[in-house]
Amino acid sequence: MIMPREKREIQKEDIMPLDVYTEKRRELRKSIVDYKKNRRVALGPYATFYFESYETMLAQYRNAIHEKEVMSNLRMSICVQSFNT
């Protein structure tokens, strides 16, 4: 996952289907954690800079979509349960 030097924006085509992401999530998250280790600069004991890139932003976006879907499914399940009781 190397970002070209020119500005790259996340496009709809960059987002993998939710079922594919869910299946590969653990592997993708491990990969991005390793990638981010080289993008961190400590400024003493109380401050750290993280330099974001296309890859890190895409990972955050994918995870946000995943979490939103999980919460949506949970809310739906709670609504169904409360309706049926």
PDB file of N, CA and C in Angstrom:
ATOM      1  N   MET A   1       0.832  -1.177   0.000  1.00  0.00           N
ATOM      2  CA  MET A   1       0.000   0.000   0.000  1.00  0.00           C
ATOM      3  C   MET A   1       0.883   1.249   0.000  1.00  0.00           C
ATOM      4  N   ILE A   2       1.284   1.688  -1.156  1.00  0.00           N
ATOM      5  CA  ILE A   2       2.109   2.885  -1.262  1.00  0.00           C
ATOM      6  C   ILE A   2       1.305   3.971  -1.967  1.00  0.00           C
ATOM      7  N   MET A   3       1.264   5.156  -1.369  1.00  0.00           N
ATOM      8  CA  MET A   3       0.540   6.275  -1.961  1.00  0.00           C
ATOM      9  C   MET A   3       1.447   6.998  -2.954  1.00  0.00           C
ATOM     10  N   PRO A   4       0.949   7.294  -4.151  1.00  0.00           N
ATOM     11  CA  PRO A   4       1.758   8.077  -5.077  1.00  0.00           C
ATOM     12  C   PRO A   4       1.966   9.487  -4.527  1.00  0.00           C
ATOM     13  N   ARG A   5       2.966  10.174  -5.042  1.00  0.00           N
ATOM     14  CA  ARG A   5       3.294  11.506  -4.533  1.00  0.00           C
ATOM     15  C   ARG A   5       2.178  12.524  -4.782  1.00  0.00           C
ATOM     16  N   GLU A   6       1.448  12.382  -5.873  1.00  0.00           N
ATOM     17  CA  GLU A   6       0.355  13.319  -6.123  1.00  0.00           C
ATOM     18  C   GLU A   6      -0.783  13.059  -5.150  1.00  0.00           C
ATOM     19  N   LYS A   7      -1.603  14.065  -4.958  1.00  0.00           N
ATOM     20  CA  LYS A   7      -2.731  13.935  -4.031  1.00  0.00           C
ATOM     21  C   LYS A   7      -3.675  12.849  -4.522  1.00  0.00           C
ATOM     22  N   ARG A   8      -4.044  11.977  -3.630  1.00  0.00           N
ATOM     23  CA  ARG A   8      -4.967  10.905  -3.975  1.00  0.00           C
ATOM     24  C   ARG A   8      -6.153  10.965  -3.028  1.00  0.00           C
ATOM     25  N   GLU A   9      -7.328  10.963  -3.594  1.00  0.00           N
ATOM     26  CA  GLU A   9      -8.542  11.034  -2.800  1.00  0.00           C
ATOM     27  C   GLU A   9      -9.249   9.690  -2.820  1.00  0.00           C
ATOM     28  N   ILE A  10      -9.922   9.387  -1.746  1.00  0.00           N
ATOM     29  CA  ILE A  10     -10.675   8.138  -1.656  1.00  0.00           C
ATOM     30  C   ILE A  10     -11.877   8.235  -2.592  1.00  0.00           C
ATOM     31  N   GLN A  11     -12.017   7.237  -3.408  1.00  0.00           N
ATOM     32  CA  GLN A  11     -13.126   7.158  -4.352  1.00  0.00           C
ATOM     33  C   GLN A  11     -14.047   6.009  -3.943  1.00  0.00           C
ATOM     34  N   LYS A  12     -15.256   6.041  -4.444  1.00  0.00           N
ATOM     35  CA  LYS A  12     -16.220   4.987  -4.141  1.00  0.00           C
ATOM     36  C   LYS A  12     -15.663   3.618  -4.522  1.00  0.00           C
ATOM     37  N   GLU A  13     -14.917   3.548  -5.613  1.00  0.00           N
ATOM     38  CA  GLU A  13     -14.356   2.279  -6.085  1.00  0.00           C
ATOM     39  C   GLU A  13     -13.296   1.712  -5.128  1.00  0.00           C
ATOM     40  N   ASP A  14     -12.758   2.566  -4.257  1.00  0.00           N
ATOM     41  CA  ASP A  14     -11.737   2.123  -3.296  1.00  0.00           C
ATOM     42  C   ASP A  14     -12.327   1.358  -2.117  1.00  0.00           C
ATOM     43  N   ILE A  15     -13.625   1.476  -1.936  1.00  0.00           N
ATOM     44  CA  ILE A  15     -14.272   0.853  -0.781  1.00  0.00           C
ATOM     45  C   ILE A  15     -14.703  -0.562  -1.154  1.00  0.00           C
ATOM     46  N   MET A  16     -14.148  -1.545  -0.451  1.00  0.00           N
ATOM     47  CA  MET A  16     -14.516  -2.931  -0.740  1.00  0.00           C
ATOM     48  C   MET A  16     -15.879  -3.232  -0.131  1.00  0.00           C
ATOM     49  N   PRO A  17     -16.577  -4.183  -0.704  1.00  0.00           N
ATOM     50  CA  PRO A  17     -17.878  -4.561  -0.140  1.00  0.00           C
ATOM     51  C   PRO A  17     -17.737  -4.953   1.330  1.00  0.00           C
ATOM     52  N   LEU A  18     -18.767  -4.655   2.098  1.00  0.00           N
ATOM     53  CA  LEU A  18     -18.726  -4.877   3.540  1.00  0.00           C
ATOM     54  C   LEU A  18     -18.439  -6.326   3.906  1.00  0.00           C
ATOM     55  N   ASP A  19     -19.019  -7.280   3.187  1.00  0.00           N
ATOM     56  CA  ASP A  19     -18.774  -8.686   3.514  1.00  0.00           C
ATOM     57  C   ASP A  19     -17.317  -9.069   3.262  1.00  0.00           C
ATOM     58  N   VAL A  20     -16.710  -8.506   2.233  1.00  0.00           N
ATOM     59  CA  VAL A  20     -15.293  -8.776   1.950  1.00  0.00           C
ATOM     60  C   VAL A  20     -14.427  -8.147   3.032  1.00  0.00           C
ATOM     61  N   TYR A  21     -14.742  -6.891   3.412  1.00  0.00           N
ATOM     62  CA  TYR A  21     -13.979  -6.225   4.463  1.00  0.00           C
ATOM     63  C   TYR A  21     -14.090  -6.990   5.781  1.00  0.00           C
ATOM     64  N   THR A  22     -15.285  -7.408   6.110  1.00  0.00           N
ATOM     65  CA  THR A  22     -15.499  -8.142   7.359  1.00  0.00           C
ATOM     66  C   THR A  22     -14.653  -9.406   7.394  1.00  0.00           C
ATOM     67  N   GLU A  23     -14.579 -10.072   6.261  1.00  0.00           N
ATOM     68  CA  GLU A  23     -13.793 -11.298   6.158  1.00  0.00           C
ATOM     69  C   GLU A  23     -12.289 -11.031   6.316  1.00  0.00           C
ATOM     70  N   LYS A  24     -11.808  -9.903   5.776  1.00  0.00           N
ATOM     71  CA  LYS A  24     -10.376  -9.585   5.777  1.00  0.00           C
ATOM     72  C   LYS A  24      -9.978  -8.579   6.851  1.00  0.00           C
ATOM     73  N   ARG A  25     -10.922  -8.174   7.692  1.00  0.00           N
ATOM     74  CA  ARG A  25     -10.700  -7.071   8.626  1.00  0.00           C
ATOM     75  C   ARG A  25      -9.485  -7.271   9.525  1.00  0.00           C
ATOM     76  N   ARG A  26      -9.352  -8.409  10.123  1.00  0.00           N
ATOM     77  CA  ARG A  26      -8.231  -8.649  11.051  1.00  0.00           C
ATOM     78  C   ARG A  26      -6.884  -8.480  10.343  1.00  0.00           C
ATOM     79  N   GLU A  27      -6.768  -9.061   9.178  1.00  0.00           N
ATOM     80  CA  GLU A  27      -5.532  -8.968   8.394  1.00  0.00           C
ATOM     81  C   GLU A  27      -5.254  -7.519   7.973  1.00  0.00           C
ATOM     82  N   LEU A  28      -6.290  -6.819   7.519  1.00  0.00           N
ATOM     83  CA  LEU A  28      -6.128  -5.431   7.088  1.00  0.00           C
ATOM     84  C   LEU A  28      -5.730  -4.528   8.246  1.00  0.00           C
ATOM     85  N   ARG A  29      -6.349  -4.726   9.404  1.00  0.00           N
ATOM     86  CA  ARG A  29      -6.025  -3.902  10.568  1.00  0.00           C
ATOM     87  C   ARG A  29      -4.588  -4.148  11.040  1.00  0.00           C
ATOM     88  N   LYS A  30      -4.137  -5.391  11.021  1.00  0.00           N
ATOM     89  CA  LYS A  30      -2.752  -5.681  11.395  1.00  0.00           C
ATOM     90  C   LYS A  30      -1.791  -4.996  10.434  1.00  0.00           C
ATOM     91  N   SER A  31      -2.113  -5.047   9.161  1.00  0.00           N
ATOM     92  CA  SER A  31      -1.280  -4.424   8.142  1.00  0.00           C
ATOM     93  C   SER A  31      -1.192  -2.912   8.336  1.00  0.00           C
ATOM     94  N   ILE A  32      -2.313  -2.263   8.615  1.00  0.00           N
ATOM     95  CA  ILE A  32      -2.294  -0.808   8.765  1.00  0.00           C
ATOM     96  C   ILE A  32      -1.602  -0.393  10.062  1.00  0.00           C
ATOM     97  N   VAL A  33      -1.726  -1.197  11.106  1.00  0.00           N
ATOM     98  CA  VAL A  33      -1.016  -0.889  12.356  1.00  0.00           C
ATOM     99  C   VAL A  33       0.488  -0.930  12.113  1.00  0.00           C
ATOM    100  N   ASP A  34       0.952  -1.937  11.403  1.00  0.00           N
ATOM    101  CA  ASP A  34       2.377  -2.026  11.067  1.00  0.00           C
ATOM    102  C   ASP A  34       2.808  -0.842  10.205  1.00  0.00           C
ATOM    103  N   TYR A  35       1.980  -0.470   9.246  1.00  0.00           N
ATOM    104  CA  TYR A  35       2.272   0.645   8.345  1.00  0.00           C
ATOM    105  C   TYR A  35       2.359   1.967   9.120  1.00  0.00           C
ATOM    106  N   LYS A  36       1.454   2.154  10.086  1.00  0.00           N
ATOM    107  CA  LYS A  36       1.408   3.410  10.830  1.00  0.00           C
ATOM    108  C   LYS A  36       2.581   3.586  11.792  1.00  0.00           C
ATOM    109  N   LYS A  37       3.245   2.495  12.165  1.00  0.00           N
ATOM    110  CA  LYS A  37       4.379   2.608  13.080  1.00  0.00           C
ATOM    111  C   LYS A  37       5.454   3.528  12.529  1.00  0.00           C
ATOM    112  N   ASN A  38       5.621   3.530  11.225  1.00  0.00           N
ATOM    113  CA  ASN A  38       6.640   4.372  10.588  1.00  0.00           C
ATOM    114  C   ASN A  38       6.134   5.776  10.282  1.00  0.00           C
ATOM    115  N   ARG A  39       4.939   6.094  10.672  1.00  0.00           N
ATOM    116  CA  ARG A  39       4.348   7.408  10.393  1.00  0.00           C
ATOM    117  C   ARG A  39       4.113   8.192  11.685  1.00  0.00           C
ATOM    118  N   ARG A  40       4.771   7.785  12.755  1.00  0.00           N
ATOM    119  CA  ARG A  40       4.566   8.381  14.072  1.00  0.00           C
ATOM    120  C   ARG A  40       5.872   9.036  14.528  1.00  0.00           C
ATOM    121  N   VAL A  41       5.729  10.275  15.049  1.00  0.00           N
ATOM    122  CA  VAL A  41       6.889  10.991  15.577  1.00  0.00           C
ATOM    123  C   VAL A  41       6.539  11.483  16.972  1.00  0.00           C
ATOM    124  N   ALA A  42       7.299  11.025  17.960  1.00  0.00           N
ATOM    125  CA  ALA A  42       7.071  11.449  19.344  1.00  0.00           C
ATOM    126  C   ALA A  42       7.733  12.800  19.577  1.00  0.00           C
ATOM    127  N   LEU A  43       7.006  13.698  20.257  1.00  0.00           N
ATOM    128  CA  LEU A  43       7.533  15.022  20.627  1.00  0.00           C
ATOM    129  C   LEU A  43       7.593  15.103  22.142  1.00  0.00           C
ATOM    130  N   GLY A  44       8.424  14.273  22.700  1.00  0.00           N
ATOM    131  CA  GLY A  44       8.499  14.231  24.149  1.00  0.00           C
ATOM    132  C   GLY A  44       7.499  13.236  24.707  1.00  0.00           C
ATOM    133  N   PRO A  45       7.320  13.253  26.024  1.00  0.00           N
ATOM    134  CA  PRO A  45       6.482  12.236  26.662  1.00  0.00           C
ATOM    135  C   PRO A  45       4.969  12.474  26.525  1.00  0.00           C
ATOM    136  N   TYR A  46       4.549  13.653  26.064  1.00  0.00           N
ATOM    137  CA  TYR A  46       3.120  13.980  26.085  1.00  0.00           C
ATOM    138  C   TYR A  46       2.488  14.243  24.722  1.00  0.00           C
ATOM    139  N   ALA A  47       3.273  14.231  23.677  1.00  0.00           N
ATOM    140  CA  ALA A  47       2.703  14.544  22.362  1.00  0.00           C
ATOM    141  C   ALA A  47       3.309  13.644  21.291  1.00  0.00           C
ATOM    142  N   THR A  48       2.460  13.243  20.363  1.00  0.00           N
ATOM    143  CA  THR A  48       2.885  12.410  19.236  1.00  0.00           C
ATOM    144  C   THR A  48       2.153  12.890  17.997  1.00  0.00           C
ATOM    145  N   PHE A  49       2.897  13.025  16.895  1.00  0.00           N
ATOM    146  CA  PHE A  49       2.292  13.343  15.602  1.00  0.00           C
ATOM    147  C   PHE A  49       2.129  12.063  14.814  1.00  0.00           C
ATOM    148  N   TYR A  50       0.968  11.927  14.188  1.00  0.00           N
ATOM    149  CA  TYR A  50       0.735  10.849  13.230  1.00  0.00           C
ATOM    150  C   TYR A  50       0.551  11.506  11.871  1.00  0.00           C
ATOM    151  N   PHE A  51       1.306  11.058  10.895  1.00  0.00           N
ATOM    152  CA  PHE A  51       1.186  11.590   9.548  1.00  0.00           C
ATOM    153  C   PHE A  51       0.266  10.678   8.758  1.00  0.00           C
ATOM    154  N   GLU A  52      -0.896  11.209   8.431  1.00  0.00           N
ATOM    155  CA  GLU A  52      -1.897  10.429   7.712  1.00  0.00           C
ATOM    156  C   GLU A  52      -1.546  10.346   6.235  1.00  0.00           C
ATOM    157  N   SER A  53      -2.077   9.341   5.605  1.00  0.00           N
ATOM    158  CA  SER A  53      -1.873   9.138   4.171  1.00  0.00           C
ATOM    159  C   SER A  53      -3.169   8.573   3.598  1.00  0.00           C
ATOM    160  N   TYR A  54      -3.174   8.374   2.317  1.00  0.00           N
ATOM    161  CA  TYR A  54      -4.322   7.749   1.660  1.00  0.00           C
ATOM    162  C   TYR A  54      -4.644   6.414   2.332  1.00  0.00           C
ATOM    163  N   GLU A  55      -3.612   5.619   2.591  1.00  0.00           N
ATOM    164  CA  GLU A  55      -3.806   4.290   3.166  1.00  0.00           C
ATOM    165  C   GLU A  55      -4.413   4.354   4.557  1.00  0.00           C
ATOM    166  N   THR A  56      -3.921   5.268   5.394  1.00  0.00           N
ATOM    167  CA  THR A  56      -4.429   5.349   6.761  1.00  0.00           C
ATOM    168  C   THR A  56      -5.859   5.893   6.780  1.00  0.00           C
ATOM    169  N   MET A  57      -6.141   6.853   5.920  1.00  0.00           N
ATOM    170  CA  MET A  57      -7.496   7.404   5.860  1.00  0.00           C
ATOM    171  C   MET A  57      -8.481   6.377   5.300  1.00  0.00           C
ATOM    172  N   LEU A  58      -8.056   5.616   4.300  1.00  0.00           N
ATOM    173  CA  LEU A  58      -8.910   4.574   3.735  1.00  0.00           C
ATOM    174  C   LEU A  58      -9.231   3.523   4.797  1.00  0.00           C
ATOM    175  N   ALA A  59      -8.227   3.154   5.583  1.00  0.00           N
ATOM    176  CA  ALA A  59      -8.440   2.172   6.650  1.00  0.00           C
ATOM    177  C   ALA A  59      -9.442   2.706   7.671  1.00  0.00           C
ATOM    178  N   GLN A  60      -9.331   3.979   8.038  1.00  0.00           N
ATOM    179  CA  GLN A  60     -10.270   4.566   8.990  1.00  0.00           C
ATOM    180  C   GLN A  60     -11.680   4.597   8.413  1.00  0.00           C
ATOM    181  N   TYR A  61     -11.787   4.936   7.151  1.00  0.00           N
ATOM    182  CA  TYR A  61     -13.086   5.006   6.492  1.00  0.00           C
ATOM    183  C   TYR A  61     -13.733   3.624   6.431  1.00  0.00           C
ATOM    184  N   ARG A  62     -12.950   2.629   6.025  1.00  0.00           N
ATOM    185  CA  ARG A  62     -13.482   1.253   5.959  1.00  0.00           C
ATOM    186  C   ARG A  62     -13.966   0.803   7.322  1.00  0.00           C
ATOM    187  N   ASN A  63     -13.187   1.082   8.347  1.00  0.00           N
ATOM    188  CA  ASN A  63     -13.558   0.653   9.690  1.00  0.00           C
ATOM    189  C   ASN A  63     -14.812   1.384  10.167  1.00  0.00           C
ATOM    190  N   ALA A  64     -14.931   2.656   9.850  1.00  0.00           N
ATOM    191  CA  ALA A  64     -16.114   3.425  10.242  1.00  0.00           C
ATOM    192  C   ALA A  64     -17.371   2.842   9.592  1.00  0.00           C
ATOM    193  N   ILE A  65     -17.274   2.482   8.325  1.00  0.00           N
ATOM    194  CA  ILE A  65     -18.410   1.876   7.634  1.00  0.00           C
ATOM    195  C   ILE A  65     -18.771   0.546   8.297  1.00  0.00           C
ATOM    196  N   HIS A  66     -17.759  -0.236   8.621  1.00  0.00           N
ATOM    197  CA  HIS A  66     -17.981  -1.530   9.285  1.00  0.00           C
ATOM    198  C   HIS A  66     -18.690  -1.322  10.626  1.00  0.00           C
ATOM    199  N   GLU A  67     -18.173  -0.404  11.443  1.00  0.00           N
ATOM    200  CA  GLU A  67     -18.748  -0.160  12.766  1.00  0.00           C
ATOM    201  C   GLU A  67     -20.175   0.360  12.645  1.00  0.00           C
ATOM    202  N   LYS A  68     -20.421   1.225  11.679  1.00  0.00           N
ATOM    203  CA  LYS A  68     -21.765   1.754  11.480  1.00  0.00           C
ATOM    204  C   LYS A  68     -22.736   0.621  11.133  1.00  0.00           C
ATOM    205  N   GLU A  69     -22.306  -0.298  10.293  1.00  0.00           N
ATOM    206  CA  GLU A  69     -23.156  -1.422   9.909  1.00  0.00           C
ATOM    207  C   GLU A  69     -23.412  -2.340  11.105  1.00  0.00           C
ATOM    208  N   VAL A  70     -22.383  -2.583  11.900  1.00  0.00           N
ATOM    209  CA  VAL A  70     -22.537  -3.428  13.093  1.00  0.00           C
ATOM    210  C   VAL A  70     -23.555  -2.793  14.045  1.00  0.00           C
ATOM    211  N   MET A  71     -23.426  -1.476  14.274  1.00  0.00           N
ATOM    212  CA  MET A  71     -24.353  -0.790  15.175  1.00  0.00           C
ATOM    213  C   MET A  71     -25.766  -0.771  14.599  1.00  0.00           C
ATOM    214  N   SER A  72     -25.885  -0.603  13.306  1.00  0.00           N
ATOM    215  CA  SER A  72     -27.193  -0.603  12.658  1.00  0.00           C
ATOM    216  C   SER A  72     -27.869  -1.956  12.834  1.00  0.00           C
ATOM    217  N   ASN A  73     -27.112  -3.025  12.634  1.00  0.00           N
ATOM    218  CA  ASN A  73     -27.655  -4.371  12.824  1.00  0.00           C
ATOM    219  C   ASN A  73     -28.054  -4.609  14.279  1.00  0.00           C
ATOM    220  N   LEU A  74     -27.244  -4.103  15.202  1.00  0.00           N
ATOM    221  CA  LEU A  74     -27.550  -4.249  16.625  1.00  0.00           C
ATOM    222  C   LEU A  74     -28.835  -3.504  16.971  1.00  0.00           C
ATOM    223  N   ARG A  75     -28.969  -2.264  16.486  1.00  0.00           N
ATOM    224  CA  ARG A  75     -30.196  -1.496  16.742  1.00  0.00           C
ATOM    225  C   ARG A  75     -31.415  -2.205  16.174  1.00  0.00           C
ATOM    226  N   MET A  76     -31.268  -2.743  14.962  1.00  0.00           N
ATOM    227  CA  MET A  76     -32.374  -3.457  14.340  1.00  0.00           C
ATOM    228  C   MET A  76     -32.767  -4.661  15.187  1.00  0.00           C
ATOM    229  N   SER A  77     -31.781  -5.392  15.668  1.00  0.00           N
ATOM    230  CA  SER A  77     -32.032  -6.561  16.497  1.00  0.00           C
ATOM    231  C   SER A  77     -32.747  -6.170  17.789  1.00  0.00           C
ATOM    232  N   ILE A  78     -32.321  -5.087  18.413  1.00  0.00           N
ATOM    233  CA  ILE A  78     -32.952  -4.613  19.650  1.00  0.00           C
ATOM    234  C   ILE A  78     -34.395  -4.200  19.381  1.00  0.00           C
ATOM    235  N   CYS A  79     -34.615  -3.505  18.260  1.00  0.00           N
ATOM    236  CA  CYS A  79     -35.988  -3.089  17.914  1.00  0.00           C
ATOM    237  C   CYS A  79     -36.886  -4.298  17.696  1.00  0.00           C
ATOM    238  N   VAL A  80     -36.367  -5.289  17.002  1.00  0.00           N
ATOM    239  CA  VAL A  80     -37.163  -6.504  16.743  1.00  0.00           C
ATOM    240  C   VAL A  80     -37.475  -7.212  18.056  1.00  0.00           C
ATOM    241  N   GLN A  81     -36.470  -7.332  18.927  1.00  0.00           N
ATOM    242  CA  GLN A  81     -36.694  -7.985  20.214  1.00  0.00           C
ATOM    243  C   GLN A  81     -37.729  -7.247  21.034  1.00  0.00           C
ATOM    244  N   SER A  82     -37.635  -5.920  21.091  1.00  0.00           N
ATOM    245  CA  SER A  82     -38.576  -5.151  21.903  1.00  0.00           C
ATOM    246  C   SER A  82     -39.986  -5.213  21.308  1.00  0.00           C
ATOM    247  N   PHE A  83     -40.072  -5.285  19.994  1.00  0.00           N
ATOM    248  CA  PHE A  83     -41.375  -5.400  19.343  1.00  0.00           C
ATOM    249  C   PHE A  83     -42.016  -6.747  19.654  1.00  0.00           C
ATOM    250  N   ASN A  84     -41.192  -7.777  19.732  1.00  0.00           N
ATOM    251  CA  ASN A  84     -41.701  -9.130  19.932  1.00  0.00           C
ATOM    252  C   ASN A  84     -41.931  -9.486  21.403  1.00  0.00           C
ATOM    253  N   THR A  85     -41.601  -8.605  22.318  1.00  0.00           N
ATOM    254  CA  THR A  85     -41.828  -8.927  23.747  1.00  0.00           C
ATOM    255  C   THR A  85     -43.063  -8.264  24.273  1.00  0.00           C
TER     256      THR A  85
END
